[in-house]
Amino acid sequence: MYDGEIFTINGNSSNFITAKSAAGLLNLSLNKDKNLVRAWLNTTSNTKILLHFIDCMQSYLQLVEYDLFKSGTHIAICSTLTIEDELLLIEHGFNAALLSNESPYTLIKKMTTVIDGNLCFSNEACSRFILNTNRSPLNKDRLTLIFSTTKKEKEVISLVCSGMSNEQVANKLNVSINTIKMHLQNIYKKAQIKNRGQLLLTYGQNFVAH
């Protein structure tokens, strides 16, 4: 189904088997490098998933390497999981959470969901997170850009504002770099700005493709 890699952290032999099985079903390779951070940061795979096997939420989140969350997809597989735990995971940068005793089918389903660009948490956790977030009306510049750009242009803006280079955006969207450059020129014209720096300054890192 996909091309990429699965990584594991805090995994015993049973967890390793779970990761290996998931990798096989999703056509992903299982990265066994003992230096996880180095392997994670240096991989060239477009799709990379890190399975976090968590027994104690508090100690785990305090100890896990922060740099890991700068890229990729993160799934928490927890021995216990409360709504408060899910809220912490969302804030920390995780894409999904499930209990360790859930079926392999559930794991595969959630992995597929997040690879396709979605979050996978309980409805209650998502609702509470949104309601607790300090929301404010969009400024006129942002509204203008949202309404004037195409769906593909919105995707490009979102990825660029998340920190991706043109090459990374092209790989993510499976198009050429020249296509991305063309989209950006159209975006600059519609937003009445001159360059990438102005795009980031005006729309920041929180642009969401609607």
Protein backbone atom coordinates (compact mmCIF):
# COMPACT_ATOMS: atom_id res chain seq x y z
CA MET A 1 0.00 0.00 0.00
CA TYR A 2 2.72 2.49 0.98
CA ASP A 3 6.47 2.93 0.64
CA GLY A 4 8.39 4.00 3.72
CA GLU A 5 9.67 2.90 7.10
CA ILE A 6 8.41 1.99 10.55
CA PHE A 7 10.53 2.73 13.62
CA THR A 8 9.94 1.61 17.21
CA ILE A 9 10.83 3.04 20.59
CA ASN A 10 10.66 1.27 23.95
CA GLY A 11 9.68 -1.94 22.22
CA ASN A 12 10.19 -5.40 23.73
CA SER A 13 10.09 -8.59 21.68
CA SER A 14 6.28 -8.62 21.62
CA ASN A 15 6.15 -5.00 20.50
CA PHE A 16 8.78 -5.70 17.86
CA ILE A 17 6.59 -8.46 16.44
CA THR A 18 3.66 -6.02 16.34
CA ALA A 19 5.75 -3.47 14.45
CA LYS A 20 7.10 -6.09 12.04
CA SER A 21 3.61 -7.38 11.29
CA ALA A 22 2.28 -3.87 10.66
CA ALA A 23 5.22 -3.09 8.39
CA GLY A 24 4.56 -6.18 6.31
CA LEU A 25 0.86 -5.47 5.89
CA LEU A 26 1.46 -1.85 4.86
CA ASN A 27 4.43 -2.57 2.58
CA LEU A 28 6.75 -0.60 4.87
CA SER A 29 10.24 -1.62 5.91
CA LEU A 30 11.12 -1.98 9.60
CA ASN A 31 14.13 0.12 10.56
CA LYS A 32 16.26 -1.75 13.11
CA ASP A 33 19.00 0.84 13.61
CA LYS A 34 19.96 0.96 17.30
CA ASN A 35 20.58 4.71 17.10
CA LEU A 36 16.94 5.68 16.69
CA VAL A 37 17.34 9.45 16.63
CA ARG A 38 20.08 9.34 13.99
CA ALA A 39 18.17 6.89 11.81
CA TRP A 40 14.92 8.84 12.16
CA LEU A 41 16.46 12.20 11.30
CA ASN A 42 18.56 10.88 8.41
CA THR A 43 16.06 8.67 6.60
CA THR A 44 15.04 9.79 3.12
CA SER A 45 11.70 7.95 3.20
CA ASN A 46 8.68 10.10 2.45
CA THR A 47 6.60 8.03 4.86
CA LYS A 48 8.08 7.31 8.26
CA ILE A 49 6.13 6.15 11.30
CA LEU A 50 7.42 5.92 14.85
CA LEU A 51 5.56 3.55 17.16
CA HIS A 52 5.89 4.68 20.78
CA PHE A 53 5.12 1.90 23.27
CA ILE A 54 4.15 3.74 26.46
CA ASP A 55 3.63 2.29 29.95
CA CYS A 56 3.89 5.49 32.03
CA MET A 57 2.70 8.59 30.18
CA GLN A 58 4.29 11.17 32.46
CA SER A 59 7.79 9.74 32.56
CA TYR A 60 7.74 8.83 28.87
CA LEU A 61 6.84 12.31 27.64
CA GLN A 62 9.48 13.84 29.91
CA LEU A 63 12.23 11.58 28.58
CA VAL A 64 11.44 11.10 24.88
CA GLU A 65 13.74 12.99 22.51
CA TYR A 66 12.12 16.25 21.39
CA ASP A 67 13.82 16.28 17.96
CA LEU A 68 11.92 13.15 16.94
CA PHE A 69 8.71 15.18 16.70
CA LYS A 70 10.05 17.62 14.13
CA SER A 71 9.04 15.24 11.35
CA GLY A 72 7.17 12.05 10.53
CA THR A 73 4.14 10.36 11.99
CA HIS A 74 3.90 9.35 15.65
CA ILE A 75 1.58 6.71 17.09
CA ALA A 76 1.28 6.04 20.82
CA ILE A 77 0.52 2.46 21.86
CA CYS A 78 -0.37 2.70 25.54
CA SER A 79 -0.96 0.23 28.36
CA THR A 80 -3.58 2.66 29.73
CA LEU A 81 -5.19 5.61 27.98
CA THR A 82 -7.42 8.35 29.42
CA ILE A 83 -8.86 11.44 27.75
CA GLU A 84 -6.27 13.50 29.62
CA ASP A 85 -3.55 11.25 28.20
CA GLU A 86 -4.88 11.81 24.68
CA LEU A 87 -4.86 15.58 25.19
CA LEU A 88 -1.22 15.43 26.29
CA LEU A 89 -0.34 13.32 23.25
CA ILE A 90 -2.07 15.71 20.85
CA GLU A 91 -0.22 18.69 22.35
CA HIS A 92 3.07 16.79 22.19
CA GLY A 93 2.74 16.16 18.45
CA PHE A 94 1.35 12.62 18.22
CA ASN A 95 -0.93 11.67 15.34
CA ALA A 96 -2.80 8.76 16.93
CA ALA A 97 -3.20 6.77 20.13
CA LEU A 98 -4.52 3.32 20.96
CA LEU A 99 -4.40 0.77 23.75
CA SER A 100 -1.81 -1.98 23.57
CA ASN A 101 -4.51 -4.66 23.92
CA GLU A 102 -6.43 -3.50 20.84
CA SER A 103 -6.48 -5.76 17.81
CA PRO A 104 -3.86 -5.70 15.03
CA TYR A 105 -6.68 -4.64 12.71
CA THR A 106 -7.23 -1.49 14.81
CA LEU A 107 -3.53 -0.64 14.65
CA ILE A 108 -3.43 -1.07 10.87
CA LYS A 109 -6.61 0.99 10.46
CA LYS A 110 -5.22 3.85 12.55
CA MET A 111 -1.86 3.72 10.80
CA THR A 112 -3.61 3.94 7.44
CA THR A 113 -5.67 6.87 8.71
CA VAL A 114 -2.65 8.89 9.83
CA ILE A 115 -0.57 8.07 6.74
CA ASP A 116 -3.43 9.57 4.74
CA GLY A 117 -2.98 12.81 6.70
CA ASN A 118 -5.54 12.52 9.50
CA LEU A 119 -5.37 12.45 13.29
CA CYS A 120 -6.80 9.46 15.10
CA PHE A 121 -7.97 10.16 18.64
CA SER A 122 -11.31 9.78 20.39
CA ASN A 123 -14.05 12.27 19.48
CA GLU A 124 -14.12 13.53 23.06
CA ALA A 125 -10.39 14.23 23.13
CA CYS A 126 -10.50 16.07 19.80
CA SER A 127 -13.51 18.14 20.88
CA ARG A 128 -11.93 19.09 24.20
CA PHE A 129 -8.66 20.02 22.54
CA ILE A 130 -10.39 22.29 20.01
CA LEU A 131 -12.63 23.90 22.64
CA ASN A 132 -9.66 24.52 24.95
CA THR A 133 -7.58 26.06 22.18
CA ASN A 134 -7.45 29.84 22.11
CA ARG A 135 -9.34 30.48 18.88
CA SER A 136 -9.69 33.86 17.19
CA PRO A 137 -11.22 35.08 13.91
CA LEU A 138 -8.99 34.81 10.83
CA ASN A 139 -7.48 38.07 9.64
CA LYS A 140 -8.52 39.47 6.25
CA ASP A 141 -5.25 38.50 4.50
CA ARG A 142 -5.64 34.88 5.54
CA LEU A 143 -9.30 34.78 4.53
CA THR A 144 -8.46 36.26 1.14
CA LEU A 145 -5.82 33.62 0.53
CA ILE A 146 -8.12 30.79 1.63
CA PHE A 147 -10.92 31.88 -0.69
CA SER A 148 -8.75 32.76 -3.70
CA THR A 149 -6.47 29.71 -3.90
CA THR A 150 -7.16 26.27 -5.34
CA LYS A 151 -7.17 23.10 -3.24
CA LYS A 152 -3.70 22.15 -4.50
CA GLU A 153 -2.36 25.64 -3.78
CA LYS A 154 -3.72 25.42 -0.24
CA GLU A 155 -1.86 22.14 0.23
CA VAL A 156 1.35 23.78 -0.97
CA ILE A 157 0.88 26.73 1.41
CA SER A 158 0.22 24.41 4.34
CA LEU A 159 3.33 22.33 3.66
CA VAL A 160 5.56 25.35 3.04
CA CYS A 161 4.33 27.00 6.25
CA SER A 162 5.13 23.78 8.13
CA GLY A 163 8.78 24.24 7.14
CA MET A 164 9.14 22.00 4.09
CA SER A 165 11.48 22.85 1.20
CA ASN A 166 10.24 22.89 -2.41
CA GLU A 167 11.81 19.47 -2.93
CA GLN A 168 10.09 18.02 0.14
CA VAL A 169 6.74 19.48 -0.92
CA ALA A 170 7.19 18.04 -4.41
CA ASN A 171 7.95 14.59 -2.98
CA LYS A 172 5.00 14.79 -0.60
CA LEU A 173 2.56 15.72 -3.38
CA ASN A 174 4.26 13.46 -5.96
CA VAL A 175 4.83 16.25 -8.47
CA SER A 176 7.88 17.98 -9.96
CA ILE A 177 9.72 20.85 -8.27
CA ASN A 178 8.82 23.06 -11.25
CA THR A 179 5.14 22.41 -10.53
CA ILE A 180 5.63 23.53 -6.93
CA LYS A 181 7.45 26.67 -8.10
CA MET A 182 4.56 27.43 -10.45
CA HIS A 183 2.04 27.00 -7.61
CA LEU A 184 4.10 29.32 -5.40
CA GLN A 185 4.24 32.02 -8.07
CA ASN A 186 0.44 31.85 -8.39
CA ILE A 187 0.11 32.02 -4.60
CA TYR A 188 2.42 35.04 -4.35
CA LYS A 189 0.39 36.83 -7.02
CA LYS A 190 -2.93 36.12 -5.30
CA ALA A 191 -1.57 37.08 -1.89
CA GLN A 192 0.13 40.18 -3.33
CA ILE A 193 3.49 39.21 -1.84
CA LYS A 194 6.90 38.76 -3.42
CA ASN A 195 8.57 35.73 -1.87
CA ARG A 196 8.55 32.75 0.48
CA GLY A 197 9.71 34.83 3.43
CA GLN A 198 6.71 37.13 3.14
CA LEU A 199 4.43 34.11 2.88
CA LEU A 200 5.79 32.69 6.14
CA LEU A 201 5.72 36.09 7.85
CA THR A 202 2.13 36.79 6.82
CA TYR A 203 0.56 33.37 7.30
CA GLY A 204 2.89 31.80 9.87
CA GLN A 205 3.10 28.11 10.69
CA ASN A 206 -0.58 27.60 11.42
CA PHE A 207 -2.06 27.76 7.92
CA VAL A 208 -4.56 24.93 7.55
CA ALA A 209 -5.64 23.78 4.09
CA HIS A 210 -9.43 23.90 4.03
